[in-house]
Amino acid sequence: MRKIVMAMAVLAIFGVSSCGKKMQTTEKGLSYRIIESNDTSRLITKGDLMMIQMVAFGQLSDSLGGKDTTIFDSYKVGKAYYIPADETTLKDVFMMLHKGDSAEFLVNADTLFMKSFGQLTPAFLKKNSDLHFYVRVENIYNQNELEAMRAEEKAKSIAKDSIEASAYVANLANVKTTASGLKYVITKPTSGPMPKTGQEVQMLYKGILLNGTKFDENQDVTNPFKFAVGMRQVIPGWDEGVMLLHEGEEAKFIVPSNLAYGEQGGGPIPPNSTLIFDVKLLKINPAPKTPTSKGN
């Protein structure tokens, strides 16, 4: 009964009725039905990327009560999913759809997770049970359109970051800019020695995004961050910036994305992000002595 209620609720979200539409079976045994079809719209073809709204539910394991539960819901997360049209398990159904179409299908959980995700079915789901999907195709992109979309998104991301970085720097005093584009401010000057390429330095730091989100920090003076400067053991902005400091000095680095993590980003750092680091050069470790050879 609960499964029927859930299915009716999903159909209501998609704005369609279940009346008069019988399930069919593909040659490979995938049960499906086209709920709403737009035959005059663009048909999905091999190599396309689909932007779809998707709701899916499955059965919990017996240890968790065996009830039906929602496992995917693009409406709840607030954004559509992007899925290749020739996705391993579901392509037989996807290739029947047009832009604007909606469909319902059943797929074995074990089959989907192993063939599509390369992993066993999660422990919270009942083994060998069916997952019940409802999808609506919002848009379709071929390779050229996909590249154009990504280029547009990248340009918007870079422009947004540049505007926000400029606004951030505008509120700082005594900002210096290097030839590479690194900006820095000496917040507590000293007259100590400066590190040379290959020397190990000990650092304290805090890294934040332009929106103020902290993504990394080490303020432990008993176990500071250590690395050999100028040896590509850190991002380029750090290699350059630390060599501008005197021992004991504190500074703020404003590192553009091309001197940080670039288009890829990393972990909590979004692609094309300017990074802010508050740093202190605690100590420059002396270079190890080169052994002298003794004459025979």
Protein backbone atom coordinates (compact mmCIF):
# COMPACT_ATOMS: atom_id res chain seq x y z
CA MET A 1 0.00 0.00 0.00
CA ARG A 2 2.78 2.43 0.90
CA LYS A 3 4.47 1.80 -2.45
CA ILE A 4 1.24 2.71 -4.28
CA VAL A 5 0.91 5.90 -2.26
CA MET A 6 4.51 6.84 -3.02
CA ALA A 7 4.05 6.14 -6.73
CA MET A 8 0.91 8.26 -6.89
CA ALA A 9 2.68 11.10 -5.09
CA VAL A 10 5.55 10.98 -7.58
CA LEU A 11 3.17 10.96 -10.53
CA ALA A 12 1.48 14.01 -9.05
CA ILE A 13 4.85 15.80 -8.87
CA PHE A 14 5.46 14.97 -12.53
CA GLY A 15 2.00 16.23 -13.36
CA VAL A 16 0.88 13.03 -15.09
CA SER A 17 -1.66 10.29 -14.63
CA SER A 18 -0.96 6.58 -14.42
CA CYS A 19 -4.22 5.60 -16.08
CA GLY A 20 -4.12 3.54 -19.26
CA LYS A 21 -0.36 3.14 -19.36
CA LYS A 22 0.85 -0.45 -19.09
CA MET A 23 4.39 -1.53 -18.28
CA GLN A 24 6.40 -2.97 -21.15
CA THR A 25 9.63 -4.97 -21.23
CA THR A 26 12.81 -4.32 -23.21
CA GLU A 27 14.69 -7.15 -24.91
CA LYS A 28 17.04 -7.23 -21.91
CA GLY A 29 14.16 -7.53 -19.45
CA LEU A 30 13.93 -3.95 -18.15
CA SER A 31 10.32 -3.06 -17.24
CA TYR A 32 9.26 0.43 -18.29
CA ARG A 33 6.51 2.68 -19.56
CA ILE A 34 6.56 6.04 -21.26
CA ILE A 35 4.30 8.20 -19.15
CA GLU A 36 4.37 11.31 -21.31
CA SER A 37 5.78 11.53 -24.83
CA ASN A 38 6.73 14.49 -27.03
CA ASP A 39 7.26 12.83 -30.40
CA THR A 40 8.06 16.11 -32.15
CA SER A 41 10.83 16.99 -29.70
CA ARG A 42 14.49 16.07 -30.02
CA LEU A 43 15.17 12.35 -29.63
CA ILE A 44 18.02 11.19 -27.41
CA THR A 45 20.91 9.62 -29.33
CA LYS A 46 24.09 7.77 -28.38
CA GLY A 47 26.70 10.01 -26.77
CA ASP A 48 24.18 12.58 -25.52
CA LEU A 49 24.13 13.86 -21.96
CA MET A 50 20.69 14.18 -20.40
CA MET A 51 19.62 16.68 -17.78
CA ILE A 52 16.84 14.90 -15.95
CA GLN A 53 14.60 15.27 -12.96
CA MET A 54 14.54 11.93 -11.18
CA VAL A 55 12.77 10.36 -8.22
CA ALA A 56 13.47 6.76 -7.23
CA PHE A 57 12.64 4.56 -4.33
CA GLY A 58 13.61 1.10 -3.19
CA GLN A 59 13.02 -1.39 -0.40
CA LEU A 60 14.96 -1.24 2.84
CA SER A 61 16.73 -4.36 4.05
CA ASP A 62 14.82 -6.72 6.33
CA SER A 63 16.97 -5.61 9.27
CA LEU A 64 15.68 -2.07 8.74
CA GLY A 65 12.04 -3.11 8.46
CA GLY A 66 11.75 -3.78 4.74
CA LYS A 67 9.76 -0.62 4.05
CA ASP A 68 9.99 1.44 0.86
CA THR A 69 12.22 4.49 0.98
CA THR A 70 13.25 7.30 -1.37
CA ILE A 71 16.85 6.91 -2.57
CA PHE A 72 17.10 9.61 -5.29
CA ASP A 73 15.11 12.83 -5.50
CA SER A 74 16.32 15.69 -7.69
CA TYR A 75 13.46 17.89 -6.49
CA LYS A 76 14.54 17.48 -2.89
CA VAL A 77 18.20 18.28 -3.57
CA GLY A 78 17.14 21.23 -5.71
CA LYS A 79 18.94 20.40 -8.95
CA ALA A 80 18.61 18.07 -11.90
CA TYR A 81 20.91 15.12 -12.49
CA TYR A 82 23.22 14.86 -15.52
CA ILE A 83 23.36 11.30 -16.85
CA PRO A 84 24.86 9.86 -20.07
CA ALA A 85 22.13 8.60 -22.39
CA ASP A 86 24.08 5.39 -23.03
CA GLU A 87 24.37 4.66 -19.29
CA THR A 88 25.19 0.96 -18.97
CA THR A 89 22.04 -0.39 -17.33
CA LEU A 90 19.31 2.03 -18.41
CA LYS A 91 20.27 2.98 -21.98
CA ASP A 92 17.57 0.78 -23.56
CA VAL A 93 14.90 3.01 -22.00
CA PHE A 94 16.76 6.31 -22.28
CA MET A 95 17.25 5.87 -26.03
CA MET A 96 13.47 5.84 -26.49
CA LEU A 97 12.97 9.25 -24.91
CA HIS A 98 12.65 12.76 -26.32
CA LYS A 99 13.28 16.08 -24.67
CA GLY A 100 10.32 16.68 -22.38
CA ASP A 101 9.39 12.99 -22.07
CA SER A 102 8.79 11.31 -18.73
CA ALA A 103 9.05 7.61 -17.99
CA GLU A 104 8.79 5.04 -15.24
CA PHE A 105 10.93 1.92 -14.99
CA LEU A 106 11.99 -0.86 -12.66
CA VAL A 107 15.53 -2.12 -12.37
CA ASN A 108 17.11 -4.73 -10.16
CA ALA A 109 19.15 -3.02 -7.43
CA ASP A 110 22.01 -5.53 -7.58
CA THR A 111 22.26 -5.16 -11.35
CA LEU A 112 22.22 -1.35 -11.26
CA PHE A 113 24.83 -0.93 -8.55
CA MET A 114 27.20 -3.53 -9.94
CA LYS A 115 26.95 -2.65 -13.65
CA SER A 116 26.55 1.12 -13.37
CA PHE A 117 28.49 1.96 -10.20
CA GLY A 118 30.86 -0.99 -9.94
CA GLN A 119 29.89 -1.74 -6.36
CA LEU A 120 27.64 -3.97 -4.28
CA THR A 121 24.15 -2.86 -3.38
CA PRO A 122 24.30 -0.63 -0.25
CA ALA A 123 23.59 -2.51 2.96
CA PHE A 124 20.50 -0.43 3.73
CA LEU A 125 18.71 -1.76 0.61
CA LYS A 126 17.23 -5.22 0.26
CA LYS A 127 19.34 -7.47 -1.93
CA ASN A 128 17.89 -8.47 -5.29
CA SER A 129 14.96 -6.06 -4.90
CA ASP A 130 13.70 -3.67 -7.58
CA LEU A 131 14.34 0.07 -7.63
CA HIS A 132 11.42 2.13 -8.94
CA PHE A 133 12.40 5.17 -11.04
CA TYR A 134 10.47 8.13 -12.41
CA VAL A 135 12.36 10.47 -14.74
CA ARG A 136 11.64 13.54 -16.84
CA VAL A 137 14.07 14.65 -19.56
CA GLU A 138 14.57 18.40 -19.08
CA ASN A 139 17.28 18.86 -21.70
CA ILE A 140 19.68 17.00 -24.00
CA TYR A 141 23.23 17.94 -24.96
CA ASN A 142 25.48 16.47 -27.64
CA GLN A 143 29.26 16.69 -27.31
CA ASN A 144 29.57 20.11 -28.95
CA GLU A 145 26.71 21.54 -26.92
CA LEU A 146 28.18 20.04 -23.77
CA GLU A 147 31.56 21.64 -24.42
CA ALA A 148 29.89 24.98 -25.12
CA MET A 149 27.87 24.70 -21.91
CA ARG A 150 30.96 23.88 -19.87
CA ALA A 151 32.89 26.76 -21.46
CA GLU A 152 30.05 29.13 -20.58
CA GLU A 153 29.89 27.85 -17.02
CA LYS A 154 33.66 28.19 -16.70
CA ALA A 155 33.58 31.79 -18.00
CA LYS A 156 30.82 32.67 -15.54
CA SER A 157 32.74 31.04 -12.69
CA ILE A 158 35.95 32.89 -13.52
CA ALA A 159 34.13 36.23 -13.89
CA LYS A 160 32.33 35.76 -10.57
CA ASP A 161 35.56 34.84 -8.79
CA SER A 162 37.39 37.83 -10.32
CA ILE A 163 34.71 40.28 -9.18
CA GLU A 164 34.65 38.84 -5.67
CA ALA A 165 38.46 38.82 -5.45
CA SER A 166 38.66 42.46 -6.56
CA ALA A 167 36.08 43.42 -3.94
CA TYR A 168 38.04 41.56 -1.27
CA VAL A 169 41.36 43.20 -2.19
CA ALA A 170 39.73 46.64 -2.29
CA ASN A 171 39.25 46.43 1.48
CA LEU A 172 42.94 45.73 2.16
CA ALA A 173 45.81 48.17 2.51
CA ASN A 174 49.40 47.86 1.27
CA VAL A 175 48.66 45.06 -1.16
CA LYS A 176 51.54 44.07 -3.42
CA THR A 177 51.18 42.13 -6.67
CA THR A 178 53.85 39.95 -8.25
CA ALA A 179 54.36 39.39 -11.98
CA SER A 180 52.48 36.07 -11.74
CA GLY A 181 49.39 37.71 -10.24
CA LEU A 182 49.95 36.66 -6.64
CA LYS A 183 48.81 39.37 -4.22
CA TYR A 184 50.12 39.59 -0.69
CA VAL A 185 50.12 41.82 2.37
CA ILE A 186 52.78 41.72 5.09
CA THR A 187 50.69 41.95 8.26
CA LYS A 188 53.53 41.59 10.78
CA PRO A 189 56.98 42.42 9.36
CA THR A 190 60.30 41.19 10.70
CA SER A 191 63.92 41.56 9.64
CA GLY A 192 64.86 37.89 9.80
CA PRO A 193 66.44 35.86 6.99
CA MET A 194 64.46 34.82 3.89
CA PRO A 195 64.22 31.22 2.68
CA LYS A 196 66.06 30.01 -0.39
CA THR A 197 65.02 27.37 -2.88
CA GLY A 198 65.24 23.91 -1.34
CA GLN A 199 65.26 25.03 2.29
CA GLU A 200 62.66 23.51 4.59
CA VAL A 201 60.30 25.98 6.24
CA GLN A 202 57.90 25.62 9.14
CA MET A 203 54.54 27.34 8.64
CA LEU A 204 51.31 28.15 10.43
CA TYR A 205 48.37 28.97 8.22
CA LYS A 206 44.64 29.26 7.74
CA GLY A 207 43.04 28.94 4.31
CA ILE A 208 39.65 30.43 3.46
CA LEU A 209 37.51 30.93 0.37
CA LEU A 210 36.38 34.37 -0.72
CA ASN A 211 33.02 33.75 0.96
CA GLY A 212 34.77 33.25 4.30
CA THR A 213 34.53 29.45 4.41
CA LYS A 214 37.60 27.89 6.07
CA PHE A 215 38.85 24.89 4.12
CA ASP A 216 42.15 24.12 5.91
CA GLU A 217 44.20 25.22 8.92
CA ASN A 218 47.28 24.41 10.97
CA GLN A 219 47.93 26.62 14.00
CA ASP A 220 49.84 23.99 15.99
CA VAL A 221 53.25 25.48 16.84
CA THR A 222 54.40 22.09 18.15
CA ASN A 223 53.65 20.41 14.82
CA PRO A 224 53.72 23.08 12.09
CA PHE A 225 53.36 22.45 8.38
CA LYS A 226 56.77 21.75 6.85
CA PHE A 227 57.86 21.70 3.23
CA ALA A 228 60.87 22.46 1.05
CA VAL A 229 60.22 25.81 -0.57
CA GLY A 230 60.47 26.18 -4.33
CA MET A 231 60.36 22.42 -4.93
CA ARG A 232 56.72 22.11 -6.10
CA GLN A 233 55.63 20.42 -2.90
CA VAL A 234 52.84 22.99 -2.50
CA ILE A 235 50.70 25.09 -4.83
CA PRO A 236 52.64 27.64 -6.95
CA GLY A 237 51.19 30.57 -4.99
CA TRP A 238 52.76 29.22 -1.81
CA ASP A 239 56.11 28.43 -3.39
CA GLU A 240 56.33 32.00 -4.62
CA GLY A 241 54.76 33.72 -1.61
CA VAL A 242 56.79 32.06 1.14
CA MET A 243 60.05 33.08 -0.56
CA LEU A 244 58.93 36.71 -0.17
CA LEU A 245 58.78 36.41 3.63
CA HIS A 246 61.32 36.87 6.40
CA GLU A 247 61.58 34.37 9.22
CA GLY A 248 58.95 35.17 11.86
CA GLU A 249 56.90 37.25 9.42
CA GLU A 250 53.13 37.07 9.10
CA ALA A 251 51.30 37.75 5.86
CA LYS A 252 48.13 37.33 3.87
CA PHE A 253 48.30 35.65 0.48
CA ILE A 254 45.56 36.23 -2.11
CA VAL A 255 46.21 33.37 -4.50
CA PRO A 256 44.44 33.37 -7.91
CA SER A 257 43.11 30.03 -9.11
CA ASN A 258 45.85 29.55 -11.71
CA LEU A 259 48.38 29.57 -8.85
CA ALA A 260 46.20 27.32 -6.68
CA TYR A 261 43.93 24.45 -7.76
CA GLY A 262 42.78 25.84 -11.11
CA GLU A 263 39.86 24.44 -13.08
CA GLN A 264 39.73 21.20 -11.11
CA GLY A 265 39.42 22.57 -7.60
CA GLY A 266 39.90 20.02 -4.87
CA GLY A 267 37.86 18.74 -1.94
CA PRO A 268 36.00 21.73 -0.45
CA ILE A 269 37.65 24.11 -2.93
CA PRO A 270 35.43 24.83 -5.98
CA PRO A 271 36.97 25.09 -9.46
CA ASN A 272 38.44 28.47 -10.48
CA SER A 273 38.65 29.74 -6.90
CA THR A 274 40.84 32.50 -5.53
CA LEU A 275 42.17 31.40 -2.13
CA ILE A 276 43.07 33.48 0.92
CA PHE A 277 45.80 32.32 3.28
CA ASP A 278 46.83 33.91 6.57
CA VAL A 279 50.34 32.59 7.12
CA LYS A 280 53.28 32.83 9.50
CA LEU A 281 56.80 31.72 8.62
CA LEU A 282 57.78 30.24 11.95
CA LYS A 283 61.23 29.02 11.09
CA ILE A 284 63.65 28.33 8.28
CA ASN A 285 65.42 25.07 8.97
CA PRO A 286 69.14 25.09 8.24
CA ALA A 287 70.17 23.22 5.13
CA PRO A 288 71.78 19.87 5.89
CA LYS A 289 75.53 19.93 5.73
CA THR A 290 77.14 18.34 2.74
CA PRO A 291 79.56 15.61 3.84
CA THR A 292 83.15 16.44 3.02
CA SER A 293 85.29 13.74 1.50
CA LYS A 294 88.55 12.83 3.23
CA GLY A 295 91.70 12.29 1.29
CA ASN A 296 93.24 8.84 1.24
